[in-house]
Structures are given as C-alpha cells and as structure tokens.
Amino acid sequence: MEKVKLGKYRHFKGHEVEVIGVAKHSENPDEEFVVYKHLHEGHDLWVRPIAMFLENIERDGYNGPRFKYINE
C-alpha cells in the first residue's frame, strides 16, 4: 500500500485537511485508516480507509485524486 505523508491535503471539493497519522483496526491489523482533521468548521477528527483516501475519483467533471498533498 502506498504511504500517506503527514501534512496538509486539499480535498477535491476544495477544503483542507491535515493528516495526523495512520491507524490500524483493532480487529484486523491489516486494515489501515488515515486519521485527519478538518481545518475548517470545528477541526473534527475523521478516519477513512487508506485505499479510499488515496483513490482517484471522477465526479462532476473532475477526474483526479480525492485528496491532494499540499505541504507538511
């Protein structure tokens, strides 16, 4: 699986998030999740399967990464 860098990313819809780590599922250590916080609207923490975080999507005329790395 591709490694996720810590730092800031831009979601394809325009908002920014900060990846703070990668977590393993307690019942299935092979399953990894990206842990990130939104940098708008309350700074909530979120998790998303690593494959979904890194995937390319095609929606509403956009074709590219769901999250694009912008800096550390």
N, C-alpha and C. Protein backbone atom coordinates (compact mmCIF):
# COMPACT_ATOMS: atom_id res chain seq x y z
N MET A 1 0.85 -1.18 0.00
CA MET A 1 0.00 0.00 0.00
C MET A 1 0.89 1.24 0.00
N GLU A 2 0.47 2.23 -0.76
CA GLU A 2 1.21 3.49 -0.84
C GLU A 2 1.20 4.19 0.52
N LYS A 3 2.30 4.82 0.86
CA LYS A 3 2.43 5.52 2.14
C LYS A 3 1.74 6.88 2.05
N VAL A 4 1.09 7.26 3.14
CA VAL A 4 0.45 8.56 3.24
C VAL A 4 1.36 9.48 4.03
N LYS A 5 1.72 10.63 3.45
CA LYS A 5 2.56 11.60 4.14
C LYS A 5 1.72 12.38 5.15
N LEU A 6 2.33 12.72 6.27
CA LEU A 6 1.68 13.61 7.22
C LEU A 6 1.71 15.01 6.64
N GLY A 7 0.71 15.80 6.95
CA GLY A 7 0.66 17.17 6.48
C GLY A 7 -0.68 17.55 5.92
N LYS A 8 -0.70 18.63 5.18
CA LYS A 8 -1.95 19.19 4.67
C LYS A 8 -2.28 18.65 3.28
N TYR A 9 -3.57 18.43 3.09
CA TYR A 9 -4.11 17.96 1.82
C TYR A 9 -5.32 18.82 1.47
N ARG A 10 -5.58 18.92 0.19
CA ARG A 10 -6.79 19.59 -0.28
C ARG A 10 -7.73 18.52 -0.84
N HIS A 11 -8.94 18.52 -0.32
CA HIS A 11 -9.98 17.62 -0.82
C HIS A 11 -10.43 18.13 -2.18
N PHE A 12 -10.89 17.25 -3.03
CA PHE A 12 -11.27 17.66 -4.38
C PHE A 12 -12.40 18.69 -4.37
N LYS A 13 -13.15 18.79 -3.28
CA LYS A 13 -14.21 19.80 -3.18
C LYS A 13 -13.69 21.14 -2.70
N GLY A 14 -12.38 21.21 -2.34
CA GLY A 14 -11.77 22.49 -2.03
C GLY A 14 -11.33 22.71 -0.60
N HIS A 15 -11.90 22.00 0.37
CA HIS A 15 -11.49 22.25 1.75
C HIS A 15 -10.18 21.55 2.07
N GLU A 16 -9.52 22.04 3.12
CA GLU A 16 -8.23 21.47 3.51
C GLU A 16 -8.36 20.63 4.77
N VAL A 17 -7.52 19.59 4.81
CA VAL A 17 -7.45 18.71 5.98
C VAL A 17 -5.98 18.52 6.33
N GLU A 18 -5.73 18.09 7.55
CA GLU A 18 -4.37 17.76 7.97
C GLU A 18 -4.32 16.31 8.42
N VAL A 19 -3.50 15.52 7.75
CA VAL A 19 -3.32 14.13 8.13
C VAL A 19 -2.41 14.10 9.35
N ILE A 20 -2.89 13.43 10.42
CA ILE A 20 -2.10 13.36 11.64
C ILE A 20 -1.55 11.96 11.90
N GLY A 21 -2.00 10.98 11.11
CA GLY A 21 -1.45 9.64 11.28
C GLY A 21 -2.21 8.59 10.50
N VAL A 22 -1.72 7.37 10.62
CA VAL A 22 -2.37 6.21 10.03
C VAL A 22 -2.61 5.24 11.17
N ALA A 23 -3.84 4.73 11.27
CA ALA A 23 -4.22 3.84 12.37
C ALA A 23 -4.58 2.46 11.83
N LYS A 24 -4.38 1.47 12.67
CA LYS A 24 -4.74 0.10 12.33
C LYS A 24 -6.05 -0.25 13.05
N HIS A 25 -6.85 -1.08 12.42
CA HIS A 25 -8.09 -1.55 13.01
C HIS A 25 -7.77 -2.57 14.10
N SER A 26 -8.40 -2.46 15.26
CA SER A 26 -8.09 -3.34 16.39
C SER A 26 -8.42 -4.81 16.13
N GLU A 27 -9.42 -5.07 15.29
CA GLU A 27 -9.83 -6.44 15.00
C GLU A 27 -9.17 -7.00 13.75
N ASN A 28 -8.60 -6.13 12.93
CA ASN A 28 -7.94 -6.55 11.69
C ASN A 28 -6.74 -5.64 11.45
N PRO A 29 -5.58 -5.98 12.02
CA PRO A 29 -4.41 -5.10 11.91
C PRO A 29 -3.94 -4.84 10.48
N ASP A 30 -4.40 -5.63 9.52
CA ASP A 30 -4.03 -5.38 8.13
C ASP A 30 -4.84 -4.23 7.52
N GLU A 31 -5.92 -3.85 8.19
CA GLU A 31 -6.78 -2.77 7.70
C GLU A 31 -6.30 -1.45 8.29
N GLU A 32 -5.89 -0.51 7.41
CA GLU A 32 -5.36 0.77 7.86
C GLU A 32 -6.29 1.92 7.47
N PHE A 33 -6.30 2.92 8.32
CA PHE A 33 -7.13 4.10 8.13
C PHE A 33 -6.29 5.36 8.27
N VAL A 34 -6.59 6.35 7.45
CA VAL A 34 -5.95 7.66 7.57
C VAL A 34 -6.73 8.44 8.62
N VAL A 35 -6.02 9.04 9.57
CA VAL A 35 -6.63 9.88 10.60
C VAL A 35 -6.31 11.32 10.23
N TYR A 36 -7.36 12.12 10.09
CA TYR A 36 -7.14 13.51 9.68
C TYR A 36 -8.15 14.42 10.35
N LYS A 37 -7.79 15.71 10.37
CA LYS A 37 -8.71 16.69 10.93
C LYS A 37 -9.02 17.74 9.87
N HIS A 38 -10.25 18.18 9.90
CA HIS A 38 -10.67 19.25 9.01
C HIS A 38 -10.09 20.55 9.52
N LEU A 39 -9.64 21.40 8.64
CA LEU A 39 -9.06 22.68 9.03
C LEU A 39 -10.09 23.80 8.88
N HIS A 40 -11.34 23.42 8.90
CA HIS A 40 -12.45 24.37 8.89
C HIS A 40 -13.57 23.76 9.72
N GLU A 41 -14.51 24.54 10.11
CA GLU A 41 -15.71 24.07 10.80
C GLU A 41 -15.43 23.13 11.97
N GLY A 42 -14.70 23.58 12.96
CA GLY A 42 -14.58 22.84 14.20
C GLY A 42 -13.42 21.89 14.35
N HIS A 43 -12.64 21.67 13.32
CA HIS A 43 -11.46 20.82 13.42
C HIS A 43 -11.78 19.39 13.87
N ASP A 44 -12.91 18.86 13.45
CA ASP A 44 -13.28 17.50 13.80
C ASP A 44 -12.26 16.49 13.29
N LEU A 45 -12.08 15.39 14.02
CA LEU A 45 -11.23 14.29 13.58
C LEU A 45 -12.07 13.29 12.78
N TRP A 46 -11.45 12.77 11.71
CA TRP A 46 -12.11 11.81 10.84
C TRP A 46 -11.15 10.67 10.55
N VAL A 47 -11.70 9.53 10.16
CA VAL A 47 -10.89 8.42 9.65
C VAL A 47 -11.51 7.96 8.34
N ARG A 48 -10.64 7.47 7.47
CA ARG A 48 -11.09 6.98 6.15
C ARG A 48 -10.14 5.85 5.78
N PRO A 49 -10.67 4.77 5.19
CA PRO A 49 -9.78 3.70 4.74
C PRO A 49 -8.70 4.27 3.83
N ILE A 50 -7.47 3.80 4.01
CA ILE A 50 -6.33 4.34 3.28
C ILE A 50 -6.53 4.25 1.76
N ALA A 51 -7.11 3.15 1.29
CA ALA A 51 -7.34 3.00 -0.15
C ALA A 51 -8.31 4.06 -0.67
N MET A 52 -9.32 4.37 0.12
CA MET A 52 -10.29 5.39 -0.28
C MET A 52 -9.66 6.79 -0.24
N PHE A 53 -8.81 7.05 0.76
CA PHE A 53 -8.14 8.34 0.87
C PHE A 53 -7.26 8.59 -0.35
N LEU A 54 -6.59 7.56 -0.82
CA LEU A 54 -5.63 7.70 -1.92
C LEU A 54 -6.24 7.54 -3.32
N GLU A 55 -7.49 7.15 -3.40
CA GLU A 55 -8.06 6.83 -4.71
C GLU A 55 -8.30 8.06 -5.57
N ASN A 56 -8.31 7.82 -6.87
CA ASN A 56 -8.74 8.82 -7.83
C ASN A 56 -10.24 8.68 -8.00
N ILE A 57 -10.89 9.82 -8.18
CA ILE A 57 -12.33 9.81 -8.37
C ILE A 57 -12.70 10.58 -9.62
N GLU A 58 -13.88 10.29 -10.11
CA GLU A 58 -14.42 11.00 -11.26
C GLU A 58 -15.83 11.43 -10.89
N ARG A 59 -16.01 12.76 -10.76
CA ARG A 59 -17.31 13.26 -10.33
C ARG A 59 -17.47 14.70 -10.79
N ASP A 60 -18.63 15.02 -11.33
CA ASP A 60 -18.98 16.39 -11.71
C ASP A 60 -17.90 17.07 -12.55
N GLY A 61 -17.35 16.34 -13.51
CA GLY A 61 -16.34 16.89 -14.40
C GLY A 61 -14.92 16.87 -13.85
N TYR A 62 -14.76 16.39 -12.63
CA TYR A 62 -13.43 16.29 -12.02
C TYR A 62 -12.94 14.86 -12.13
N ASN A 63 -11.67 14.70 -12.48
CA ASN A 63 -11.05 13.39 -12.53
C ASN A 63 -9.65 13.54 -11.95
N GLY A 64 -9.45 13.02 -10.73
CA GLY A 64 -8.17 13.15 -10.07
C GLY A 64 -8.22 12.59 -8.67
N PRO A 65 -7.21 12.91 -7.86
CA PRO A 65 -7.16 12.36 -6.51
C PRO A 65 -8.25 12.94 -5.61
N ARG A 66 -8.76 12.10 -4.71
CA ARG A 66 -9.73 12.58 -3.72
C ARG A 66 -9.07 13.65 -2.83
N PHE A 67 -7.84 13.36 -2.39
CA PHE A 67 -7.06 14.31 -1.58
C PHE A 67 -5.72 14.53 -2.25
N LYS A 68 -5.31 15.78 -2.38
CA LYS A 68 -4.02 16.10 -2.99
C LYS A 68 -3.12 16.73 -1.93
N TYR A 69 -1.93 16.17 -1.78
CA TYR A 69 -0.96 16.66 -0.81
C TYR A 69 -0.54 18.07 -1.18
N ILE A 70 -0.54 19.00 -0.20
CA ILE A 70 -0.14 20.38 -0.48
C ILE A 70 1.07 20.84 0.33
N ASN A 71 1.30 20.30 1.53
CA ASN A 71 2.53 20.62 2.28
C ASN A 71 2.56 19.92 3.63
N GLU A 72 3.73 20.02 4.27
CA GLU A 72 3.91 19.42 5.60
C GLU A 72 3.59 20.41 6.69
